[in-house]
């Protein structure tokens, strides 16, 4: 959904829709509809503020046991967008010094004076997912020797295979050579 800055009323406009599918490369899939709500407010010539919230449930894969688990998403966001040739404070880019201020860190520079809201929502979804995905903090993960889930049953194959994968490195070592 494209939103053109010059077509926005001064009071802004509210958008509500559901994301039913996600890209394969996002690392999750929706477990029911994901709701995206946002308010797009013009903030001067070639600028807009986009504030909203993503909510719903996605299925993530645990980094330890590789099982899918539901993750409840309730992520607020605030983004400032600027059209080409405009800085964050509305001054034309050629008139401003190329200095990044702290207020410019949440700024998205667009290719045109419009924003693709669905792409922005997908980006915000990715930013709201946990960096380390765990089904629970106490997840024991998979056995590194046989691949069995340590949460389902205790595995003793790790005690049988006590040879480290780094054992081959314990052989002869190169010492310092003496200069003659």
C-alpha atoms as a PDB file:
ATOM      1  CA  UNK A   1       0.000   0.000   0.000  1.00  0.00           C
ATOM      2  CA  UNK A   2       1.634   3.199  -1.220  1.00  0.00           C
ATOM      3  CA  UNK A   3       0.999   6.372   0.761  1.00  0.00           C
ATOM      4  CA  UNK A   4       1.962   9.647  -0.920  1.00  0.00           C
ATOM      5  CA  UNK A   5       2.980  12.422   1.467  1.00  0.00           C
ATOM      6  CA  UNK A   6       1.286  15.211  -0.495  1.00  0.00           C
ATOM      7  CA  UNK A   7      -2.070  13.345  -0.435  1.00  0.00           C
ATOM      8  CA  UNK A   8      -2.170  13.110   3.359  1.00  0.00           C
ATOM      9  CA  UNK A   9      -4.538  15.424   5.243  1.00  0.00           C
ATOM     10  CA  UNK A  10      -2.892  17.681   7.839  1.00  0.00           C
ATOM     11  CA  UNK A  11      -4.334  15.546  10.653  1.00  0.00           C
ATOM     12  CA  UNK A  12      -2.793  12.444   9.119  1.00  0.00           C
ATOM     13  CA  UNK A  13      -4.450   9.172   8.229  1.00  0.00           C
ATOM     14  CA  UNK A  14      -4.954   5.871  10.056  1.00  0.00           C
ATOM     15  CA  UNK A  15      -4.321   2.518   8.385  1.00  0.00           C
ATOM     16  CA  UNK A  16      -5.326  -0.922   9.659  1.00  0.00           C
ATOM     17  CA  UNK A  17      -4.784  -4.198   7.832  1.00  0.00           C
ATOM     18  CA  UNK A  18      -3.750  -7.789   8.335  1.00  0.00           C
ATOM     19  CA  UNK A  19      -0.577  -9.441   7.146  1.00  0.00           C
ATOM     20  CA  UNK A  20      -1.627 -12.963   6.185  1.00  0.00           C
ATOM     21  CA  UNK A  21       1.624 -14.125   4.604  1.00  0.00           C
ATOM     22  CA  UNK A  22       5.271 -13.357   5.194  1.00  0.00           C
ATOM     23  CA  UNK A  23       8.366 -13.700   3.055  1.00  0.00           C
ATOM     24  CA  UNK A  24      10.217 -17.004   3.386  1.00  0.00           C
ATOM     25  CA  UNK A  25      13.434 -15.273   4.393  1.00  0.00           C
ATOM     26  CA  UNK A  26      11.937 -13.669   7.519  1.00  0.00           C
ATOM     27  CA  UNK A  27      12.469 -16.831   9.588  1.00  0.00           C
ATOM     28  CA  UNK A  28       8.930 -17.062  10.892  1.00  0.00           C
ATOM     29  CA  UNK A  29       5.409 -17.746   9.770  1.00  0.00           C
ATOM     30  CA  UNK A  30       2.157 -16.259  11.017  1.00  0.00           C
ATOM     31  CA  UNK A  31       0.107 -18.317  13.465  1.00  0.00           C
ATOM     32  CA  UNK A  32      -3.095 -16.546  12.537  1.00  0.00           C
ATOM     33  CA  UNK A  33      -3.413 -13.012  11.189  1.00  0.00           C
ATOM     34  CA  UNK A  34      -0.940 -10.315  12.162  1.00  0.00           C
ATOM     35  CA  UNK A  35      -2.563  -6.953  12.626  1.00  0.00           C
ATOM     36  CA  UNK A  36      -0.770  -3.790  11.583  1.00  0.00           C
ATOM     37  CA  UNK A  37      -2.081  -0.422  12.757  1.00  0.00           C
ATOM     38  CA  UNK A  38      -0.390   2.840  11.972  1.00  0.00           C
ATOM     39  CA  UNK A  39      -0.982   6.561  11.760  1.00  0.00           C
ATOM     40  CA  UNK A  40       0.865   8.456   9.031  1.00  0.00           C
ATOM     41  CA  UNK A  41       1.229  12.131   9.844  1.00  0.00           C
ATOM     42  CA  UNK A  42       2.768  14.732   7.519  1.00  0.00           C
ATOM     43  CA  UNK A  43       5.682  16.449   9.257  1.00  0.00           C
ATOM     44  CA  UNK A  44       6.572  19.163   6.783  1.00  0.00           C
ATOM     45  CA  UNK A  45       7.527  19.258   3.107  1.00  0.00           C
ATOM     46  CA  UNK A  46       8.700  15.819   1.998  1.00  0.00           C
ATOM     47  CA  UNK A  47       8.504  14.378   5.520  1.00  0.00           C
ATOM     48  CA  UNK A  48       6.148  12.092   7.424  1.00  0.00           C
ATOM     49  CA  UNK A  49       5.987  10.396  10.814  1.00  0.00           C
ATOM     50  CA  UNK A  50       4.685   6.842  10.935  1.00  0.00           C
ATOM     51  CA  UNK A  51       3.627   5.552  14.332  1.00  0.00           C
ATOM     52  CA  UNK A  52       1.925   2.258  14.959  1.00  0.00           C
ATOM     53  CA  UNK A  53       1.817  -1.229  16.407  1.00  0.00           C
ATOM     54  CA  UNK A  54       2.151  -4.772  15.118  1.00  0.00           C
ATOM     55  CA  UNK A  55       0.298  -7.475  17.016  1.00  0.00           C
ATOM     56  CA  UNK A  56      -0.394 -11.158  16.590  1.00  0.00           C
ATOM     57  CA  UNK A  57       1.399 -14.482  16.958  1.00  0.00           C
ATOM     58  CA  UNK A  58       4.164 -15.897  14.796  1.00  0.00           C
ATOM     59  CA  UNK A  59       5.783 -19.330  14.826  1.00  0.00           C
ATOM     60  CA  UNK A  60       9.521 -19.237  15.397  1.00  0.00           C
ATOM     61  CA  UNK A  61      12.063 -22.056  15.415  1.00  0.00           C
ATOM     62  CA  UNK A  62      13.985 -22.596  18.654  1.00  0.00           C
ATOM     63  CA  UNK A  63      17.733 -22.109  18.167  1.00  0.00           C
ATOM     64  CA  UNK A  64      18.506 -24.983  20.572  1.00  0.00           C
ATOM     65  CA  UNK A  65      15.982 -27.763  19.883  1.00  0.00           C
ATOM     66  CA  UNK A  66      14.738 -26.649  16.417  1.00  0.00           C
ATOM     67  CA  UNK A  67      11.081 -27.008  17.406  1.00  0.00           C
ATOM     68  CA  UNK A  68       8.488 -24.474  16.297  1.00  0.00           C
ATOM     69  CA  UNK A  69       6.987 -22.398  19.086  1.00  0.00           C
ATOM     70  CA  UNK A  70       4.486 -19.510  19.196  1.00  0.00           C
ATOM     71  CA  UNK A  71       5.809 -16.022  19.902  1.00  0.00           C
ATOM     72  CA  UNK A  72       3.346 -13.310  20.898  1.00  0.00           C
ATOM     73  CA  UNK A  73       4.097 -10.094  19.072  1.00  0.00           C
ATOM     74  CA  UNK A  74       3.036  -6.690  20.391  1.00  0.00           C
ATOM     75  CA  UNK A  75       5.519  -4.233  18.935  1.00  0.00           C
ATOM     76  CA  UNK A  76       5.052  -0.455  18.860  1.00  0.00           C
ATOM     77  CA  UNK A  77       7.157   1.525  16.409  1.00  0.00           C
ATOM     78  CA  UNK A  78       7.901   5.095  15.377  1.00  0.00           C
ATOM     79  CA  UNK A  79       9.576   5.924  12.068  1.00  0.00           C
ATOM     80  CA  UNK A  80      10.356   9.262  10.459  1.00  0.00           C
ATOM     81  CA  UNK A  81      10.519   9.202   6.669  1.00  0.00           C
ATOM     82  CA  UNK A  82      11.906  11.817   4.310  1.00  0.00           C
ATOM     83  CA  UNK A  83      11.679  12.176   0.550  1.00  0.00           C
ATOM     84  CA  UNK A  84      14.802  12.467  -1.615  1.00  0.00           C
ATOM     85  CA  UNK A  85      16.630  15.769  -1.306  1.00  0.00           C
ATOM     86  CA  UNK A  86      15.231  16.594   2.155  1.00  0.00           C
ATOM     87  CA  UNK A  87      17.058  16.259   5.467  1.00  0.00           C
ATOM     88  CA  UNK A  88      15.448  15.216   8.733  1.00  0.00           C
ATOM     89  CA  UNK A  89      14.797  18.823   9.730  1.00  0.00           C
ATOM     90  CA  UNK A  90      13.214  19.743   6.372  1.00  0.00           C
ATOM     91  CA  UNK A  91      16.162  21.703   4.994  1.00  0.00           C
ATOM     92  CA  UNK A  92      17.015  20.786   1.385  1.00  0.00           C
ATOM     93  CA  UNK A  93      19.928  18.331   1.323  1.00  0.00           C
ATOM     94  CA  UNK A  94      22.173  20.568  -0.808  1.00  0.00           C
ATOM     95  CA  UNK A  95      21.806  23.430   1.697  1.00  0.00           C
ATOM     96  CA  UNK A  96      22.576  21.376   4.784  1.00  0.00           C
ATOM     97  CA  UNK A  97      25.955  20.292   6.083  1.00  0.00           C
ATOM     98  CA  UNK A  98      26.427  16.504   5.854  1.00  0.00           C
ATOM     99  CA  UNK A  99      26.329  16.004   9.619  1.00  0.00           C
ATOM    100  CA  UNK A 100      24.233  13.279  11.192  1.00  0.00           C
ATOM    101  CA  UNK A 101      22.520  14.455  14.353  1.00  0.00           C
ATOM    102  CA  UNK A 102      21.063  12.215  17.068  1.00  0.00           C
ATOM    103  CA  UNK A 103      17.561  13.062  15.869  1.00  0.00           C
ATOM    104  CA  UNK A 104      18.396  11.600  12.431  1.00  0.00           C
ATOM    105  CA  UNK A 105      19.053   8.073  13.702  1.00  0.00           C
ATOM    106  CA  UNK A 106      15.439   6.912  13.330  1.00  0.00           C
ATOM    107  CA  UNK A 107      15.168   8.448   9.872  1.00  0.00           C
ATOM    108  CA  UNK A 108      14.390   6.504   6.694  1.00  0.00           C
ATOM    109  CA  UNK A 109      15.418   8.146   3.456  1.00  0.00           C
ATOM    110  CA  UNK A 110      13.002   7.191   0.692  1.00  0.00           C
ATOM    111  CA  UNK A 111      13.472   7.030  -3.083  1.00  0.00           C
ATOM    112  CA  UNK A 112      10.293   9.029  -3.701  1.00  0.00           C
ATOM    113  CA  UNK A 113       7.841  11.141  -1.653  1.00  0.00           C
ATOM    114  CA  UNK A 114       5.777   8.070  -0.761  1.00  0.00           C
ATOM    115  CA  UNK A 115       6.148   5.120   1.592  1.00  0.00           C
ATOM    116  CA  UNK A 116       5.237   1.464   1.002  1.00  0.00           C
ATOM    117  CA  UNK A 117       3.496   0.637   4.282  1.00  0.00           C
ATOM    118  CA  UNK A 118       3.438  -3.135   3.871  1.00  0.00           C
ATOM    119  CA  UNK A 119       7.209  -3.271   3.287  1.00  0.00           C
ATOM    120  CA  UNK A 120       7.720  -1.005   6.292  1.00  0.00           C
ATOM    121  CA  UNK A 121       5.534  -3.305   8.447  1.00  0.00           C
ATOM    122  CA  UNK A 122       7.552  -6.354   7.361  1.00  0.00           C
ATOM    123  CA  UNK A 123      10.745  -4.532   8.309  1.00  0.00           C
ATOM    124  CA  UNK A 124       9.315  -3.603  11.701  1.00  0.00           C
ATOM    125  CA  UNK A 125       8.254  -7.224  12.194  1.00  0.00           C
ATOM    126  CA  UNK A 126      11.824  -8.424  11.624  1.00  0.00           C
ATOM    127  CA  UNK A 127      13.163  -5.800  14.014  1.00  0.00           C
ATOM    128  CA  UNK A 128      10.740  -6.900  16.745  1.00  0.00           C
ATOM    129  CA  UNK A 129      11.684 -10.603  16.661  1.00  0.00           C
ATOM    130  CA  UNK A 130      14.078 -11.869  19.348  1.00  0.00           C
ATOM    131  CA  UNK A 131      17.723 -12.168  18.381  1.00  0.00           C
ATOM    132  CA  UNK A 132      18.117 -15.483  20.252  1.00  0.00           C
ATOM    133  CA  UNK A 133      15.013 -17.557  19.628  1.00  0.00           C
ATOM    134  CA  UNK A 134      14.324 -19.979  22.479  1.00  0.00           C
ATOM    135  CA  UNK A 135      11.135 -21.944  23.092  1.00  0.00           C
ATOM    136  CA  UNK A 136      11.902 -21.527  26.803  1.00  0.00           C
ATOM    137  CA  UNK A 137      14.929 -20.462  28.835  1.00  0.00           C
ATOM    138  CA  UNK A 138      15.484 -23.969  30.202  1.00  0.00           C
ATOM    139  CA  UNK A 139      15.540 -25.651  26.768  1.00  0.00           C
ATOM    140  CA  UNK A 140      18.351 -28.240  26.811  1.00  0.00           C
ATOM    141  CA  UNK A 141      18.617 -28.418  23.023  1.00  0.00           C
ATOM    142  CA  UNK A 142      19.884 -31.311  20.931  1.00  0.00           C
ATOM    143  CA  UNK A 143      22.626 -33.789  21.783  1.00  0.00           C
ATOM    144  CA  UNK A 144      25.722 -32.857  19.748  1.00  0.00           C
ATOM    145  CA  UNK A 145      26.557 -36.559  19.226  1.00  0.00           C
ATOM    146  CA  UNK A 146      23.283 -38.255  18.252  1.00  0.00           C
ATOM    147  CA  UNK A 147      20.938 -35.299  17.646  1.00  0.00           C
ATOM    148  CA  UNK A 148      18.268 -36.478  20.099  1.00  0.00           C
ATOM    149  CA  UNK A 149      16.259 -33.858  21.956  1.00  0.00           C
ATOM    150  CA  UNK A 150      17.593 -33.586  25.494  1.00  0.00           C
ATOM    151  CA  UNK A 151      14.207 -32.280  26.608  1.00  0.00           C
ATOM    152  CA  UNK A 152      12.403 -35.504  25.628  1.00  0.00           C
ATOM    153  CA  UNK A 153      14.771 -38.008  27.238  1.00  0.00           C
ATOM    154  CA  UNK A 154      18.187 -37.997  28.852  1.00  0.00           C
ATOM    155  CA  UNK A 155      20.934 -38.965  26.440  1.00  0.00           C
ATOM    156  CA  UNK A 156      24.069 -40.793  27.615  1.00  0.00           C
ATOM    157  CA  UNK A 157      25.873 -40.973  24.268  1.00  0.00           C
ATOM    158  CA  UNK A 158      27.797 -37.826  25.169  1.00  0.00           C
ATOM    159  CA  UNK A 159      29.316 -39.662  28.116  1.00  0.00           C
ATOM    160  CA  UNK A 160      30.389 -42.547  25.847  1.00  0.00           C
ATOM    161  CA  UNK A 161      31.969 -40.241  23.262  1.00  0.00           C
ATOM    162  CA  UNK A 162      34.344 -38.282  25.432  1.00  0.00           C
ATOM    163  CA  UNK A 163      36.808 -37.668  22.602  1.00  0.00           C
ATOM    164  CA  UNK A 164      36.725 -34.006  21.782  1.00  0.00           C
ATOM    165  CA  UNK A 165      36.497 -32.819  18.219  1.00  0.00           C
ATOM    166  CA  UNK A 166      39.635 -30.802  19.017  1.00  0.00           C
ATOM    167  CA  UNK A 167      41.665 -33.848  20.120  1.00  0.00           C
ATOM    168  CA  UNK A 168      43.516 -33.860  16.786  1.00  0.00           C
ATOM    169  CA  UNK A 169      44.982 -30.468  17.672  1.00  0.00           C
ATOM    170  CA  UNK A 170      46.707 -31.898  20.768  1.00  0.00           C
ATOM    171  CA  UNK A 171      49.451 -33.492  18.624  1.00  0.00           C
ATOM    172  CA  UNK A 172      52.940 -32.085  18.055  1.00  0.00           C
ATOM    173  CA  UNK A 173      53.246 -28.371  18.490  1.00  0.00           C
ATOM    174  CA  UNK A 174      55.543 -26.062  16.681  1.00  0.00           C
ATOM    175  CA  UNK A 175      57.923 -24.425  19.071  1.00  0.00           C
ATOM    176  CA  UNK A 176      60.080 -21.384  18.668  1.00  0.00           C
ATOM    177  CA  UNK A 177      62.952 -21.934  16.335  1.00  0.00           C
ATOM    178  CA  UNK A 178      66.401 -20.954  17.465  1.00  0.00           C
ATOM    179  CA  UNK A 179      68.209 -18.460  15.308  1.00  0.00           C
ATOM    180  CA  UNK A 180      71.801 -19.453  14.633  1.00  0.00           C
END
